[in-house]
Amino acid sequence: MLLDMDTVKVRVGDSVFETNKSLLLRECEYLRALYRSGMVECHQEEIQVRNLKAQGFIIMLAVASGERPIMNGEEILEAIECAAFFQAEPLARHLQDLLNSDNCLLMYQASATYGLLELHESSAQFIRNMYRDLQEDLKKLPQELIEHVESLVPSAFVAVGSHSTCSVDELPLAATRTVCYLDEDDDEWKVLTALPVEASTSLADLTVLDNRLYVVGGLHGVDKIPVSASFCYDVVTNTWSLLPGPRQPRYNFTLIGIEGCLYAIGGDFAAPLPRPVAGVTCTKAMRNMWKPCKQMKGFPRNGSVWTFLLRIPKERKEVTVS
């Protein structure tokens, strides 16, 4: 029998860990499936895991407890094997956060070996973005891994300046309202797209989510009226989409894109006498509704230039602005 209803012993190799059952069930799809199945193993005093090293399990427990451990090469390999076996998404995400030029090739090959697909794609994209620096080392990997990296579109450095909305009478001004990217092969800045005339980047915030650029909020015209709409740019189709903005139009706030959602944090409204916006609102990308999230204070921001990384297809039609 288990020590109590929320404690479980797990034997990994020669080591035995007494840990929180709820924590493991939250972190590991493998153990959730085990307990759902009602198999005899989940009723034993110990759950035995063979062919894994204890160090990977220790790292998984640390991440599950909120720690963010830095790992050397051997620990990365053991953590990848453990994340793949237990289907531990938090550990897999932490490994993605640790990607750098020193470990990306190791993570790429190991994640391919153990079937950790999201880490495999993240590390492949990381390598593609640094292809010039890693090209010689990449040649040491199996040919199919090399070909996969070379098939990807590298990210480009994108910059957007601070612009207010543009009326019909100000169309000549629209030529300056561009989003530009750095073509590293030609070593020059090129125009990616022009901002929609209704969009403002003056005290707005911008972010990239799933390789799409989002512009939310900001101020309109000399009267500094908060912009109520949001805008989404699809780099593949080279098109802008009009989306609803947060229920409370805002400016001077923080916009974050993570796991398919946009989060608008804090900010001000009712210019020219600013009042803080209480709380956070969020929306699923490309959906038509924002909803409140956990309340928190706003974070004022006074930036005027935003930079991003986007993957720009080579065959994409170039934009000319006259």
C-alpha atoms as a PDB file:
ATOM      1  CA  MET A   1       0.000   0.000   0.000  1.00  0.00           C
ATOM      2  CA  LEU A   2       1.047   3.600  -0.548  1.00  0.00           C
ATOM      3  CA  LEU A   3       2.180   5.637   2.438  1.00  0.00           C
ATOM      4  CA  ASP A   4      -0.922   7.849   2.163  1.00  0.00           C
ATOM      5  CA  MET A   5      -3.414   8.879  -0.472  1.00  0.00           C
ATOM      6  CA  ASP A   6      -1.190  11.614  -1.888  1.00  0.00           C
ATOM      7  CA  THR A   7       2.272  10.072  -1.526  1.00  0.00           C
ATOM      8  CA  VAL A   8       3.835   7.620  -3.922  1.00  0.00           C
ATOM      9  CA  LYS A   9       7.151   5.791  -4.165  1.00  0.00           C
ATOM     10  CA  VAL A  10       8.839   5.652  -7.556  1.00  0.00           C
ATOM     11  CA  ARG A  11      11.876   3.453  -8.142  1.00  0.00           C
ATOM     12  CA  VAL A  12      14.069   4.752 -10.960  1.00  0.00           C
ATOM     13  CA  GLY A  13      17.046   2.472 -11.489  1.00  0.00           C
ATOM     14  CA  ASP A  14      18.534   1.834  -8.056  1.00  0.00           C
ATOM     15  CA  SER A  15      17.042   4.966  -6.472  1.00  0.00           C
ATOM     16  CA  VAL A  16      13.684   5.257  -4.716  1.00  0.00           C
ATOM     17  CA  PHE A  17      11.836   8.582  -4.582  1.00  0.00           C
ATOM     18  CA  GLU A  18       8.999   9.310  -2.201  1.00  0.00           C
ATOM     19  CA  THR A  19       7.100  12.165  -3.776  1.00  0.00           C
ATOM     20  CA  ASN A  20       3.760  13.885  -4.132  1.00  0.00           C
ATOM     21  CA  LYS A  21       1.327  11.851  -6.202  1.00  0.00           C
ATOM     22  CA  SER A  22      -0.759  14.855  -7.277  1.00  0.00           C
ATOM     23  CA  LEU A  23       2.376  16.619  -8.462  1.00  0.00           C
ATOM     24  CA  LEU A  24       3.379  13.673 -10.650  1.00  0.00           C
ATOM     25  CA  LEU A  25      -0.113  13.289 -12.065  1.00  0.00           C
ATOM     26  CA  ARG A  26      -0.168  16.961 -12.971  1.00  0.00           C
ATOM     27  CA  GLU A  27       3.211  16.836 -14.689  1.00  0.00           C
ATOM     28  CA  CYS A  28       3.287  13.412 -16.380  1.00  0.00           C
ATOM     29  CA  GLU A  29       0.857  12.089 -18.952  1.00  0.00           C
ATOM     30  CA  TYR A  30       2.425   8.623 -18.537  1.00  0.00           C
ATOM     31  CA  LEU A  31       1.416   8.416 -14.866  1.00  0.00           C
ATOM     32  CA  ARG A  32      -2.024   9.909 -15.527  1.00  0.00           C
ATOM     33  CA  ALA A  33      -2.629   7.158 -18.077  1.00  0.00           C
ATOM     34  CA  LEU A  34      -1.280   4.548 -15.647  1.00  0.00           C
ATOM     35  CA  TYR A  35      -3.703   5.526 -12.889  1.00  0.00           C
ATOM     36  CA  ARG A  36      -6.640   5.881 -15.287  1.00  0.00           C
ATOM     37  CA  SER A  37      -6.006   2.350 -16.546  1.00  0.00           C
ATOM     38  CA  GLY A  38      -6.307   0.789 -13.089  1.00  0.00           C
ATOM     39  CA  MET A  39      -3.381  -1.515 -13.884  1.00  0.00           C
ATOM     40  CA  VAL A  40      -1.897  -3.506 -11.031  1.00  0.00           C
ATOM     41  CA  GLU A  41       1.247  -1.317 -11.025  1.00  0.00           C
ATOM     42  CA  CYS A  42      -0.650   1.707  -9.697  1.00  0.00           C
ATOM     43  CA  HIS A  43      -1.787  -0.280  -6.634  1.00  0.00           C
ATOM     44  CA  GLN A  44       1.678  -1.489  -5.679  1.00  0.00           C
ATOM     45  CA  GLU A  45       3.827   0.061  -2.963  1.00  0.00           C
ATOM     46  CA  GLU A  46       6.341   1.189  -5.565  1.00  0.00           C
ATOM     47  CA  ILE A  47       6.043   2.199  -9.190  1.00  0.00           C
ATOM     48  CA  GLN A  48       9.103   0.791 -10.926  1.00  0.00           C
ATOM     49  CA  VAL A  49      10.663   2.514 -13.911  1.00  0.00           C
ATOM     50  CA  ARG A  50      13.400   0.623 -15.691  1.00  0.00           C
ATOM     51  CA  ASN A  51      16.017   1.816 -18.157  1.00  0.00           C
ATOM     52  CA  LEU A  52      15.996   5.409 -16.891  1.00  0.00           C
ATOM     53  CA  LYS A  53      18.633   7.185 -14.831  1.00  0.00           C
ATOM     54  CA  ALA A  54      17.751   8.829 -11.546  1.00  0.00           C
ATOM     55  CA  GLN A  55      19.236  12.187 -12.539  1.00  0.00           C
ATOM     56  CA  GLY A  56      16.587  12.778 -15.197  1.00  0.00           C
ATOM     57  CA  PHE A  57      13.811  12.053 -12.694  1.00  0.00           C
ATOM     58  CA  ILE A  58      15.409  14.428 -10.169  1.00  0.00           C
ATOM     59  CA  ILE A  59      15.440  17.173 -12.802  1.00  0.00           C
ATOM     60  CA  MET A  60      11.796  16.478 -13.674  1.00  0.00           C
ATOM     61  CA  LEU A  61      10.792  16.785 -10.005  1.00  0.00           C
ATOM     62  CA  ALA A  62      12.738  20.034  -9.695  1.00  0.00           C
ATOM     63  CA  VAL A  63      10.946  21.548 -12.699  1.00  0.00           C
ATOM     64  CA  ALA A  64       7.605  20.289 -11.399  1.00  0.00           C
ATOM     65  CA  SER A  65       8.314  22.108  -8.113  1.00  0.00           C
ATOM     66  CA  GLY A  66       8.908  25.407  -9.898  1.00  0.00           C
ATOM     67  CA  GLU A  67      12.692  25.318 -10.180  1.00  0.00           C
ATOM     68  CA  ARG A  68      14.490  26.166 -13.443  1.00  0.00           C
ATOM     69  CA  PRO A  69      17.724  24.175 -13.314  1.00  0.00           C
ATOM     70  CA  ILE A  70      20.614  24.815 -15.688  1.00  0.00           C
ATOM     71  CA  MET A  71      21.968  21.564 -17.151  1.00  0.00           C
ATOM     72  CA  ASN A  72      25.171  20.282 -18.655  1.00  0.00           C
ATOM     73  CA  GLY A  73      25.265  17.992 -21.668  1.00  0.00           C
ATOM     74  CA  GLU A  74      24.811  14.728 -19.800  1.00  0.00           C
ATOM     75  CA  GLU A  75      21.952  16.131 -17.716  1.00  0.00           C
ATOM     76  CA  ILE A  76      20.250  17.402 -20.882  1.00  0.00           C
ATOM     77  CA  LEU A  77      20.350  13.919 -22.390  1.00  0.00           C
ATOM     78  CA  GLU A  78      18.899  12.353 -19.254  1.00  0.00           C
ATOM     79  CA  ALA A  79      16.234  15.059 -18.982  1.00  0.00           C
ATOM     80  CA  ILE A  80      15.184  14.561 -22.615  1.00  0.00           C
ATOM     81  CA  GLU A  81      14.918  10.800 -22.117  1.00  0.00           C
ATOM     82  CA  CYS A  82      12.903  11.317 -18.937  1.00  0.00           C
ATOM     83  CA  ALA A  83      10.592  13.926 -20.515  1.00  0.00           C
ATOM     84  CA  ALA A  84       9.917  11.604 -23.451  1.00  0.00           C
ATOM     85  CA  PHE A  85       9.259   8.534 -21.268  1.00  0.00           C
ATOM     86  CA  PHE A  86       6.957  10.278 -18.771  1.00  0.00           C
ATOM     87  CA  GLN A  87       5.463  12.605 -21.427  1.00  0.00           C
ATOM     88  CA  ALA A  88       6.299  15.484 -19.097  1.00  0.00           C
ATOM     89  CA  GLU A  89       5.352  18.663 -20.967  1.00  0.00           C
ATOM     90  CA  PRO A  90       6.651  21.132 -18.310  1.00  0.00           C
ATOM     91  CA  LEU A  91      10.108  19.564 -18.485  1.00  0.00           C
ATOM     92  CA  ALA A  92       9.994  19.604 -22.294  1.00  0.00           C
ATOM     93  CA  ARG A  93       9.103  23.321 -22.250  1.00  0.00           C
ATOM     94  CA  HIS A  94      11.917  24.034 -19.812  1.00  0.00           C
ATOM     95  CA  LEU A  95      14.363  22.327 -22.154  1.00  0.00           C
ATOM     96  CA  GLN A  96      13.156  24.584 -24.957  1.00  0.00           C
ATOM     97  CA  ASP A  97      13.828  27.606 -22.745  1.00  0.00           C
ATOM     98  CA  LEU A  98      17.427  26.407 -22.289  1.00  0.00           C
ATOM     99  CA  LEU A  99      18.192  26.232 -26.021  1.00  0.00           C
ATOM    100  CA  ASN A 100      21.397  28.046 -26.945  1.00  0.00           C
ATOM    101  CA  SER A 101      24.210  27.796 -29.468  1.00  0.00           C
ATOM    102  CA  ASP A 102      26.161  25.409 -27.234  1.00  0.00           C
ATOM    103  CA  ASN A 103      23.438  22.799 -26.711  1.00  0.00           C
ATOM    104  CA  CYS A 104      21.051  23.131 -29.681  1.00  0.00           C
ATOM    105  CA  LEU A 105      22.704  20.396 -31.768  1.00  0.00           C
ATOM    106  CA  LEU A 106      22.693  18.009 -28.807  1.00  0.00           C
ATOM    107  CA  MET A 107      19.024  18.729 -28.088  1.00  0.00           C
ATOM    108  CA  TYR A 108      18.133  18.403 -31.768  1.00  0.00           C
ATOM    109  CA  GLN A 109      19.653  14.966 -32.168  1.00  0.00           C
ATOM    110  CA  ALA A 110      18.535  13.653 -28.765  1.00  0.00           C
ATOM    111  CA  SER A 111      14.949  14.861 -29.199  1.00  0.00           C
ATOM    112  CA  ALA A 112      14.836  13.112 -32.577  1.00  0.00           C
ATOM    113  CA  THR A 113      16.082   9.909 -30.958  1.00  0.00           C
ATOM    114  CA  TYR A 114      13.548   9.942 -28.104  1.00  0.00           C
ATOM    115  CA  GLY A 115      10.621  11.438 -30.031  1.00  0.00           C
ATOM    116  CA  LEU A 116      10.272  14.737 -28.180  1.00  0.00           C
ATOM    117  CA  LEU A 117       8.660  16.460 -31.136  1.00  0.00           C
ATOM    118  CA  GLU A 118       8.180  20.050 -29.922  1.00  0.00           C
ATOM    119  CA  LEU A 119      11.754  20.251 -28.663  1.00  0.00           C
ATOM    120  CA  HIS A 120      12.904  18.690 -31.932  1.00  0.00           C
ATOM    121  CA  GLU A 121      11.183  21.415 -33.979  1.00  0.00           C
ATOM    122  CA  SER A 122      12.274  24.225 -31.658  1.00  0.00           C
ATOM    123  CA  SER A 123      15.909  23.165 -31.763  1.00  0.00           C
ATOM    124  CA  ALA A 124      15.768  22.683 -35.550  1.00  0.00           C
ATOM    125  CA  GLN A 125      14.432  26.220 -35.971  1.00  0.00           C
ATOM    126  CA  PHE A 126      17.078  27.558 -33.589  1.00  0.00           C
ATOM    127  CA  ILE A 127      19.802  25.899 -35.659  1.00  0.00           C
ATOM    128  CA  ARG A 128      18.294  27.234 -38.895  1.00  0.00           C
ATOM    129  CA  ASN A 129      18.326  30.752 -37.494  1.00  0.00           C
ATOM    130  CA  MET A 130      22.045  30.377 -36.665  1.00  0.00           C
ATOM    131  CA  TYR A 131      22.902  28.323 -39.749  1.00  0.00           C
ATOM    132  CA  ARG A 132      26.026  30.268 -40.696  1.00  0.00           C
ATOM    133  CA  ASP A 133      27.575  29.803 -37.262  1.00  0.00           C
ATOM    134  CA  LEU A 134      26.583  26.143 -36.891  1.00  0.00           C
ATOM    135  CA  GLN A 135      26.930  24.914 -40.455  1.00  0.00           C
ATOM    136  CA  GLU A 136      30.191  23.012 -39.940  1.00  0.00           C
ATOM    137  CA  ASP A 137      29.032  21.303 -36.742  1.00  0.00           C
ATOM    138  CA  LEU A 138      25.683  20.462 -38.340  1.00  0.00           C
ATOM    139  CA  LYS A 139      27.504  18.357 -40.956  1.00  0.00           C
ATOM    140  CA  LYS A 140      28.354  15.832 -38.208  1.00  0.00           C
ATOM    141  CA  LEU A 141      24.672  14.895 -37.786  1.00  0.00           C
ATOM    142  CA  PRO A 142      22.787  12.274 -39.839  1.00  0.00           C
ATOM    143  CA  GLN A 143      21.784  13.451 -43.309  1.00  0.00           C
ATOM    144  CA  GLU A 144      18.031  13.401 -42.632  1.00  0.00           C
ATOM    145  CA  LEU A 145      18.507  15.783 -39.691  1.00  0.00           C
ATOM    146  CA  ILE A 146      20.604  18.112 -41.828  1.00  0.00           C
ATOM    147  CA  GLU A 147      17.998  18.132 -44.588  1.00  0.00           C
ATOM    148  CA  HIS A 148      15.210  18.918 -42.125  1.00  0.00           C
ATOM    149  CA  VAL A 149      17.051  21.977 -40.807  1.00  0.00           C
ATOM    150  CA  GLU A 150      17.821  23.191 -44.329  1.00  0.00           C
ATOM    151  CA  SER A 151      14.150  22.828 -45.311  1.00  0.00           C
ATOM    152  CA  LEU A 152      13.051  25.370 -42.690  1.00  0.00           C
ATOM    153  CA  VAL A 153      12.571  29.091 -43.238  1.00  0.00           C
ATOM    154  CA  PRO A 154      14.954  31.137 -41.065  1.00  0.00           C
ATOM    155  CA  SER A 155      13.632  33.897 -38.845  1.00  0.00           C
ATOM    156  CA  ALA A 156      14.323  37.469 -39.922  1.00  0.00           C
ATOM    157  CA  PHE A 157      14.854  40.502 -37.697  1.00  0.00           C
ATOM    158  CA  VAL A 158      11.804  42.789 -38.050  1.00  0.00           C
ATOM    159  CA  ALA A 159      11.442  46.388 -36.868  1.00  0.00           C
ATOM    160  CA  VAL A 160       8.399  48.656 -36.525  1.00  0.00           C
ATOM    161  CA  GLY A 161       8.507  52.357 -35.712  1.00  0.00           C
ATOM    162  CA  SER A 162       6.011  54.439 -33.752  1.00  0.00           C
ATOM    163  CA  HIS A 163       3.179  55.769 -35.959  1.00  0.00           C
ATOM    164  CA  SER A 164      -0.302  57.124 -35.327  1.00  0.00           C
ATOM    165  CA  THR A 165      -3.288  56.243 -37.514  1.00  0.00           C
ATOM    166  CA  CYS A 166      -3.436  57.723 -41.001  1.00  0.00           C
ATOM    167  CA  SER A 167      -6.495  59.434 -42.525  1.00  0.00           C
ATOM    168  CA  VAL A 168      -7.398  59.534 -46.224  1.00  0.00           C
ATOM    169  CA  ASP A 169      -6.044  63.078 -46.445  1.00  0.00           C
ATOM    170  CA  GLU A 170      -2.688  61.870 -45.129  1.00  0.00           C
ATOM    171  CA  LEU A 171      -2.101  58.995 -47.559  1.00  0.00           C
ATOM    172  CA  PRO A 172       1.315  60.347 -48.645  1.00  0.00           C
ATOM    173  CA  LEU A 173       2.350  59.822 -45.028  1.00  0.00           C
ATOM    174  CA  ALA A 174       1.445  56.151 -45.336  1.00  0.00           C
ATOM    175  CA  ALA A 175       4.641  55.505 -47.291  1.00  0.00           C
ATOM    176  CA  THR A 176       6.601  55.954 -44.073  1.00  0.00           C
ATOM    177  CA  ARG A 177       4.341  53.604 -42.074  1.00  0.00           C
ATOM    178  CA  THR A 178       6.211  50.449 -42.942  1.00  0.00           C
ATOM    179  CA  VAL A 179       7.304  47.250 -41.255  1.00  0.00           C
ATOM    180  CA  CYS A 180      10.859  46.400 -42.322  1.00  0.00           C
ATOM    181  CA  TYR A 181      13.052  43.318 -42.076  1.00  0.00           C
ATOM    182  CA  LEU A 182      16.779  42.753 -42.300  1.00  0.00           C
ATOM    183  CA  ASP A 183      17.849  40.663 -45.302  1.00  0.00           C
ATOM    184  CA  GLU A 184      21.103  39.234 -43.985  1.00  0.00           C
ATOM    185  CA  ASP A 185      22.083  37.769 -47.360  1.00  0.00           C
ATOM    186  CA  ASP A 186      21.937  41.183 -49.042  1.00  0.00           C
ATOM    187  CA  ASP A 187      22.892  43.020 -45.833  1.00  0.00           C
ATOM    188  CA  GLU A 188      20.119  45.607 -46.161  1.00  0.00           C
ATOM    189  CA  TRP A 189      16.738  46.522 -44.723  1.00  0.00           C
ATOM    190  CA  LYS A 190      13.724  45.767 -46.914  1.00  0.00           C
ATOM    191  CA  VAL A 191      10.018  46.541 -46.649  1.00  0.00           C
ATOM    192  CA  LEU A 192       7.945  43.651 -45.345  1.00  0.00           C
ATOM    193  CA  THR A 193       4.551  45.367 -45.362  1.00  0.00           C
ATOM    194  CA  ALA A 194       2.818  48.685 -44.716  1.00  0.00           C
ATOM    195  CA  LEU A 195       0.689  49.256 -41.636  1.00  0.00           C
ATOM    196  CA  PRO A 196      -3.076  49.513 -42.249  1.00  0.00           C
ATOM    197  CA  VAL A 197      -4.154  53.164 -42.238  1.00  0.00           C
ATOM    198  CA  GLU A 198      -6.433  52.468 -39.260  1.00  0.00           C
ATOM    199  CA  ALA A 199      -3.622  50.947 -37.182  1.00  0.00           C
ATOM    200  CA  SER A 200      -1.589  52.909 -34.667  1.00  0.00           C
ATOM    201  CA  THR A 201       1.707  51.952 -33.102  1.00  0.00           C
ATOM    202  CA  SER A 202       1.766  55.109 -30.994  1.00  0.00           C
ATOM    203  CA  LEU A 203       1.708  53.778 -27.419  1.00  0.00           C
ATOM    204  CA  ALA A 204       0.272  50.518 -28.769  1.00  0.00           C
ATOM    205  CA  ASP A 205       1.938  47.200 -28.176  1.00  0.00           C
ATOM    206  CA  LEU A 206       2.966  44.558 -30.686  1.00  0.00           C
ATOM    207  CA  THR A 207       3.892  40.926 -30.419  1.00  0.00           C
ATOM    208  CA  VAL A 208       4.457  37.850 -32.577  1.00  0.00           C
ATOM    209  CA  LEU A 209       2.444  34.674 -31.997  1.00  0.00           C
ATOM    210  CA  ASP A 210       2.601  31.616 -34.270  1.00  0.00           C
ATOM    211  CA  ASN A 211       4.582  33.624 -36.836  1.00  0.00           C
ATOM    212  CA  ARG A 212       1.873  36.312 -37.058  1.00  0.00           C
ATOM    213  CA  LEU A 213       2.347  39.945 -36.052  1.00  0.00           C
ATOM    214  CA  TYR A 214      -0.324  41.488 -33.820  1.00  0.00           C
ATOM    215  CA  VAL A 215      -0.905  45.224 -33.253  1.00  0.00           C
ATOM    216  CA  VAL A 216      -3.237  46.039 -30.366  1.00  0.00           C
ATOM    217  CA  GLY A 217      -4.337  49.339 -28.858  1.00  0.00           C
ATOM    218  CA  GLY A 218      -2.538  52.651 -29.200  1.00  0.00           C
ATOM    219  CA  LEU A 219      -3.702  56.224 -29.763  1.00  0.00           C
ATOM    220  CA  HIS A 220      -5.536  57.718 -32.741  1.00  0.00           C
ATOM    221  CA  GLY A 221      -4.955  61.212 -34.142  1.00  0.00           C
ATOM    222  CA  VAL A 222      -4.256  64.524 -32.451  1.00  0.00           C
ATOM    223  CA  ASP A 223      -7.093  63.917 -29.993  1.00  0.00           C
ATOM    224  CA  LYS A 224      -5.275  60.821 -28.747  1.00  0.00           C
ATOM    225  CA  ILE A 225      -8.319  58.578 -28.724  1.00  0.00           C
ATOM    226  CA  PRO A 226      -7.574  54.944 -27.810  1.00  0.00           C
ATOM    227  CA  VAL A 227      -7.816  52.596 -30.791  1.00  0.00           C
ATOM    228  CA  SER A 228     -10.486  49.965 -30.242  1.00  0.00           C
ATOM    229  CA  ALA A 229      -9.487  47.520 -32.998  1.00  0.00           C
ATOM    230  CA  SER A 230      -6.622  45.036 -33.281  1.00  0.00           C
ATOM    231  CA  PHE A 231      -4.728  44.004 -36.399  1.00  0.00           C
ATOM    232  CA  CYS A 232      -3.037  40.749 -37.411  1.00  0.00           C
ATOM    233  CA  TYR A 233      -0.440  40.372 -40.171  1.00  0.00           C
ATOM    234  CA  ASP A 234       0.104  36.956 -41.768  1.00  0.00           C
ATOM    235  CA  VAL A 235       3.615  36.925 -43.237  1.00  0.00           C
ATOM    236  CA  VAL A 236       2.912  33.884 -45.428  1.00  0.00           C
ATOM    237  CA  THR A 237      -0.151  35.315 -47.216  1.00  0.00           C
ATOM    238  CA  ASN A 238       1.074  38.921 -46.886  1.00  0.00           C
ATOM    239  CA  THR A 239      -2.335  40.050 -45.616  1.00  0.00           C
ATOM    240  CA  TRP A 240      -3.709  42.031 -42.670  1.00  0.00           C
ATOM    241  CA  SER A 241      -6.821  40.969 -40.738  1.00  0.00           C
ATOM    242  CA  LEU A 242      -8.993  43.237 -38.611  1.00  0.00           C
ATOM    243  CA  LEU A 243      -9.753  41.841 -35.150  1.00  0.00           C
ATOM    244  CA  PRO A 244     -11.619  43.236 -32.137  1.00  0.00           C
ATOM    245  CA  GLY A 245      -9.536  44.847 -29.423  1.00  0.00           C
ATOM    246  CA  PRO A 246      -9.825  44.396 -25.658  1.00  0.00           C
ATOM    247  CA  ARG A 247     -13.193  45.337 -24.154  1.00  0.00           C
ATOM    248  CA  GLN A 248     -11.534  48.366 -22.586  1.00  0.00           C
ATOM    249  CA  PRO A 249      -9.510  50.156 -25.322  1.00  0.00           C
ATOM    250  CA  ARG A 250      -6.070  50.897 -23.945  1.00  0.00           C
ATOM    251  CA  TYR A 251      -2.600  52.217 -24.648  1.00  0.00           C
ATOM    252  CA  ASN A 252       0.767  52.220 -22.901  1.00  0.00           C
ATOM    253  CA  PHE A 253       0.338  48.559 -21.906  1.00  0.00           C
ATOM    254  CA  THR A 254       2.079  45.209 -22.319  1.00  0.00           C
ATOM    255  CA  LEU A 255       1.009  42.636 -24.938  1.00  0.00           C
ATOM    256  CA  ILE A 256       2.247  39.046 -24.654  1.00  0.00           C
ATOM    257  CA  GLY A 257       1.624  36.100 -26.963  1.00  0.00           C
ATOM    258  CA  ILE A 258       2.012  32.647 -25.456  1.00  0.00           C
ATOM    259  CA  GLU A 259       0.550  29.180 -26.121  1.00  0.00           C
ATOM    260  CA  GLY A 260      -1.993  30.386 -28.672  1.00  0.00           C
ATOM    261  CA  CYS A 261      -3.304  33.321 -26.596  1.00  0.00           C
ATOM    262  CA  LEU A 262      -2.750  37.074 -26.501  1.00  0.00           C
ATOM    263  CA  TYR A 263      -2.594  38.800 -23.097  1.00  0.00           C
ATOM    264  CA  ALA A 264      -3.082  42.555 -22.696  1.00  0.00           C
ATOM    265  CA  ILE A 265      -1.644  43.591 -19.330  1.00  0.00           C
ATOM    266  CA  GLY A 266      -2.519  46.854 -17.606  1.00  0.00           C
ATOM    267  CA  GLY A 267      -2.088  50.140 -19.435  1.00  0.00           C
ATOM    268  CA  ASP A 268      -4.097  53.378 -19.563  1.00  0.00           C
ATOM    269  CA  PHE A 269      -7.304  54.641 -21.153  1.00  0.00           C
ATOM    270  CA  ALA A 270      -9.313  57.874 -21.486  1.00  0.00           C
ATOM    271  CA  ALA A 271      -6.544  60.058 -22.950  1.00  0.00           C
ATOM    272  CA  PRO A 272      -5.491  62.843 -22.621  1.00  0.00           C
ATOM    273  CA  LEU A 273      -6.046  62.338 -18.882  1.00  0.00           C
ATOM    274  CA  PRO A 274      -4.800  58.786 -18.460  1.00  0.00           C
ATOM    275  CA  ARG A 275      -6.434  56.405 -16.040  1.00  0.00           C
ATOM    276  CA  PRO A 276      -4.976  52.977 -15.322  1.00  0.00           C
ATOM    277  CA  VAL A 277      -6.667  49.852 -16.627  1.00  0.00           C
ATOM    278  CA  ALA A 278      -7.109  47.291 -13.871  1.00  0.00           C
ATOM    279  CA  GLY A 279      -6.289  43.714 -14.700  1.00  0.00           C
ATOM    280  CA  VAL A 280      -5.416  41.469 -17.624  1.00  0.00           C
ATOM    281  CA  THR A 281      -7.536  40.430 -20.579  1.00  0.00           C
ATOM    282  CA  CYS A 282      -6.769  37.628 -22.994  1.00  0.00           C
ATOM    283  CA  THR A 283      -8.031  36.156 -26.247  1.00  0.00           C
ATOM    284  CA  LYS A 284      -7.357  33.091 -28.332  1.00  0.00           C
ATOM    285  CA  ALA A 285      -5.452  34.145 -31.435  1.00  0.00           C
ATOM    286  CA  MET A 286      -7.756  34.968 -34.380  1.00  0.00           C
ATOM    287  CA  ARG A 287     -10.869  34.737 -32.155  1.00  0.00           C
ATOM    288  CA  ASN A 288     -13.420  37.527 -31.668  1.00  0.00           C
ATOM    289  CA  MET A 289     -13.640  37.807 -27.897  1.00  0.00           C
ATOM    290  CA  TRP A 290     -11.403  39.050 -25.092  1.00  0.00           C
ATOM    291  CA  LYS A 291     -12.064  37.914 -21.536  1.00  0.00           C
ATOM    292  CA  PRO A 292     -10.721  39.036 -18.142  1.00  0.00           C
ATOM    293  CA  CYS A 293      -7.871  37.166 -16.498  1.00  0.00           C
ATOM    294  CA  LYS A 294      -6.375  37.410 -13.032  1.00  0.00           C
ATOM    295  CA  GLN A 295      -6.349  41.004 -11.762  1.00  0.00           C
ATOM    296  CA  MET A 296      -3.018  42.824 -11.556  1.00  0.00           C
ATOM    297  CA  LYS A 297      -1.613  46.320 -11.872  1.00  0.00           C
ATOM    298  CA  GLY A 298      -0.684  47.760 -15.255  1.00  0.00           C
ATOM    299  CA  PHE A 299       2.859  48.139 -16.518  1.00  0.00           C
ATOM    300  CA  PRO A 300       3.431  51.532 -18.168  1.00  0.00           C
ATOM    301  CA  ARG A 301       5.627  51.521 -21.275  1.00  0.00           C
ATOM    302  CA  ASN A 302       7.035  54.378 -23.333  1.00  0.00           C
ATOM    303  CA  GLY A 303       8.814  52.513 -26.136  1.00  0.00           C
ATOM    304  CA  SER A 304       8.694  53.769 -29.716  1.00  0.00           C
ATOM    305  CA  VAL A 305      10.308  50.917 -31.656  1.00  0.00           C
ATOM    306  CA  TRP A 306       9.500  47.210 -31.562  1.00  0.00           C
ATOM    307  CA  THR A 307      11.602  44.355 -32.916  1.00  0.00           C
ATOM    308  CA  PHE A 308      10.652  40.748 -33.618  1.00  0.00           C
ATOM    309  CA  LEU A 309      11.707  37.556 -35.345  1.00  0.00           C
ATOM    310  CA  LEU A 310       9.501  36.300 -38.205  1.00  0.00           C
ATOM    311  CA  ARG A 311      10.005  33.454 -40.660  1.00  0.00           C
ATOM    312  CA  ILE A 312       9.632  35.070 -44.110  1.00  0.00           C
ATOM    313  CA  PRO A 313       9.229  32.623 -47.037  1.00  0.00           C
ATOM    314  CA  LYS A 314      11.724  33.140 -49.854  1.00  0.00           C
ATOM    315  CA  GLU A 315       9.074  32.825 -52.570  1.00  0.00           C
ATOM    316  CA  ARG A 316       6.908  35.495 -50.969  1.00  0.00           C
ATOM    317  CA  LYS A 317       6.078  38.442 -53.222  1.00  0.00           C
ATOM    318  CA  GLU A 318       8.048  41.549 -52.281  1.00  0.00           C
ATOM    319  CA  VAL A 319       6.207  44.698 -51.229  1.00  0.00           C
ATOM    320  CA  THR A 320       6.848  48.045 -52.880  1.00  0.00           C
ATOM    321  CA  VAL A 321       5.717  51.241 -51.208  1.00  0.00           C
ATOM    322  CA  SER A 322       5.588  54.435 -53.254  1.00  0.00           C
END
